Amino acid sequence: MANIRGLEVPLGQFVDQIVNQTLDRLGVEKPEAVVGGLANRWRNGKMILKPADPNLQSKEVELEVFFHKIVMVRNNLRVLEQKINASEALSSADKFDWQQYLTRSYGSLTTFNVLFKEKEHQF
C-alpha cells in the first residue's frame, strides 16, 4: 500500500511516468523506438545463418529482433562506460585501460552500422 499525498494523476499513470523517466536516464530504449531506428530497407527482413555443412539446418532470425539485440548491446556498453568514468574506486590508468576495451568493442560493432536508419545512432 502506498500513501502519496497531493497526487493529482491516476496511480498507474504516475508509475508509468516514473518508469519512463528511469529508462530514459539509464539510456534504455523502448522496443518500439529500437525498431524505429532500423533502416526501412531492413524492415520485415530476415537474417539467414546457413552452415557450411548441408546436413545441418539453417537458422532464420527476424532483423527487428537482431537489431534490438545489437542496440541493447550498445546501450549496455554506454552504461558500462558511464559507470567506469564515474567510479571513484578506479584510478585514471585503470579507467583508461577499461575505456580501451570499450573502444575496441564499439569498433567491432561498426559492421552493423548498415542496419541503422540515422547516422547519429551508429557505433
Protein backbone atom coordinates (compact mmCIF):
# COMPACT_ATOMS: atom_id res chain seq x y z
CA MET A 1 0.00 0.00 0.00
CA ALA A 2 1.30 3.43 -0.91
CA ASN A 3 0.23 6.74 0.58
CA ILE A 4 1.17 9.59 -1.73
CA ARG A 5 -0.23 12.95 -0.69
CA GLY A 6 -1.09 15.54 -3.30
CA LEU A 7 -1.09 13.07 -6.21
CA GLU A 8 -3.41 14.50 -8.84
CA VAL A 9 -3.00 11.82 -11.52
CA PRO A 10 -4.08 8.18 -11.52
CA LEU A 11 -1.55 5.93 -9.81
CA GLY A 12 -0.99 3.87 -12.99
CA GLN A 13 -0.11 7.00 -14.97
CA PHE A 14 2.21 8.15 -12.17
CA VAL A 15 4.04 4.80 -12.16
CA ASP A 16 4.33 4.87 -15.99
CA GLN A 17 5.91 8.32 -15.81
CA ILE A 18 8.44 7.21 -13.18
CA VAL A 19 9.36 4.07 -15.14
CA ASN A 20 9.74 6.00 -18.41
CA GLN A 21 11.90 8.68 -16.76
CA THR A 22 14.09 5.99 -15.20
CA LEU A 23 14.52 4.18 -18.52
CA ASP A 24 15.40 7.48 -20.23
CA ARG A 25 18.04 8.27 -17.60
CA LEU A 26 19.55 4.80 -17.96
CA GLY A 27 19.60 5.12 -21.74
CA VAL A 28 17.38 2.10 -22.23
CA GLU A 29 15.33 2.35 -25.39
CA LYS A 30 11.77 1.13 -25.67
CA PRO A 31 11.27 -1.75 -28.12
CA GLU A 32 9.21 0.42 -30.50
CA ALA A 33 11.99 3.04 -30.51
CA VAL A 34 14.54 0.38 -31.35
CA VAL A 35 12.60 -0.89 -34.36
CA GLY A 36 12.02 2.73 -35.37
CA GLY A 37 15.79 3.10 -35.61
CA LEU A 38 16.08 0.25 -38.10
CA ALA A 39 16.65 1.42 -41.67
CA ASN A 40 13.48 1.00 -43.76
CA ARG A 41 15.09 -1.37 -46.25
CA TRP A 42 15.64 -3.94 -43.47
CA ARG A 43 12.09 -3.87 -42.05
CA ASN A 44 10.39 -7.27 -42.06
CA GLY A 45 13.65 -8.79 -43.27
CA LYS A 46 15.37 -11.91 -42.04
CA MET A 47 18.93 -12.86 -41.37
CA ILE A 48 19.68 -16.38 -42.52
CA LEU A 49 22.59 -18.26 -40.97
CA LYS A 50 23.48 -21.13 -43.24
CA PRO A 51 26.06 -23.65 -42.00
CA ALA A 52 28.70 -24.95 -44.39
CA ASP A 53 27.54 -28.50 -43.68
CA PRO A 54 24.41 -29.08 -45.86
CA ASN A 55 23.19 -31.69 -43.36
CA LEU A 56 22.72 -29.02 -40.72
CA GLN A 57 19.64 -26.81 -40.55
CA SER A 58 19.78 -23.08 -41.29
CA LYS A 59 18.69 -20.54 -38.71
CA GLU A 60 16.48 -17.56 -39.55
CA VAL A 61 16.30 -14.51 -37.31
CA GLU A 62 13.96 -11.57 -37.88
CA LEU A 63 16.05 -8.45 -38.42
CA GLU A 64 13.95 -6.46 -35.94
CA VAL A 65 14.89 -8.98 -33.23
CA PHE A 66 18.56 -8.98 -34.22
CA PHE A 67 18.62 -5.18 -34.40
CA HIS A 68 17.05 -4.92 -30.96
CA LYS A 69 19.80 -7.13 -29.54
CA ILE A 70 22.52 -5.02 -31.19
CA VAL A 71 21.00 -1.83 -29.78
CA MET A 72 20.79 -3.38 -26.32
CA VAL A 73 24.50 -4.31 -26.51
CA ARG A 74 25.25 -0.70 -27.46
CA ASN A 75 23.14 0.62 -24.58
CA ASN A 76 24.80 -1.71 -22.09
CA LEU A 77 28.24 -0.62 -23.29
CA ARG A 78 27.22 3.01 -22.79
CA VAL A 79 26.02 2.32 -19.25
CA LEU A 80 29.25 0.43 -18.51
CA GLU A 81 31.24 3.38 -19.86
CA GLN A 82 29.35 5.80 -17.61
CA LYS A 83 29.94 3.59 -14.57
CA ILE A 84 33.65 3.30 -15.33
CA ASN A 85 34.02 7.05 -15.77
CA ALA A 86 32.07 7.78 -12.58
CA SER A 87 33.90 5.18 -10.49
CA GLU A 88 35.87 6.54 -7.58
CA ALA A 89 37.46 3.14 -6.94
CA LEU A 90 39.32 3.06 -10.28
CA SER A 91 42.49 5.01 -10.90
CA SER A 92 42.85 7.16 -14.02
CA ALA A 93 45.11 4.48 -15.51
CA ASP A 94 42.52 1.77 -14.83
CA LYS A 95 39.77 3.90 -16.35
CA PHE A 96 41.93 4.42 -19.44
CA ASP A 97 42.57 0.67 -19.75
CA TRP A 98 38.87 -0.17 -19.44
CA GLN A 99 37.99 2.60 -21.90
CA GLN A 100 40.29 0.93 -24.45
CA TYR A 101 38.29 -2.30 -24.17
CA LEU A 102 35.08 -0.36 -24.73
CA THR A 103 36.53 1.46 -27.73
CA ARG A 104 37.57 -1.84 -29.33
CA SER A 105 34.11 -3.29 -28.63
CA TYR A 106 32.44 -0.32 -30.33
CA GLY A 107 34.84 -0.75 -33.25
CA SER A 108 33.89 -4.40 -33.62
CA LEU A 109 30.21 -3.45 -33.75
CA THR A 110 30.63 -0.93 -36.62
CA THR A 111 29.85 -3.81 -39.01
CA PHE A 112 26.21 -3.39 -38.02
CA ASN A 113 26.03 0.36 -38.80
CA VAL A 114 24.33 -0.53 -42.09
CA LEU A 115 21.22 -1.50 -40.11
CA PHE A 116 20.70 1.95 -38.58
CA LYS A 117 18.35 4.49 -40.13
CA GLU A 118 20.10 7.52 -38.56
CA LYS A 119 23.87 8.01 -38.66
CA GLU A 120 23.94 9.51 -35.16
CA HIS A 121 22.70 6.20 -33.70
CA GLN A 122 25.52 4.19 -35.24
CA PHE A 123 28.61 2.92 -33.43
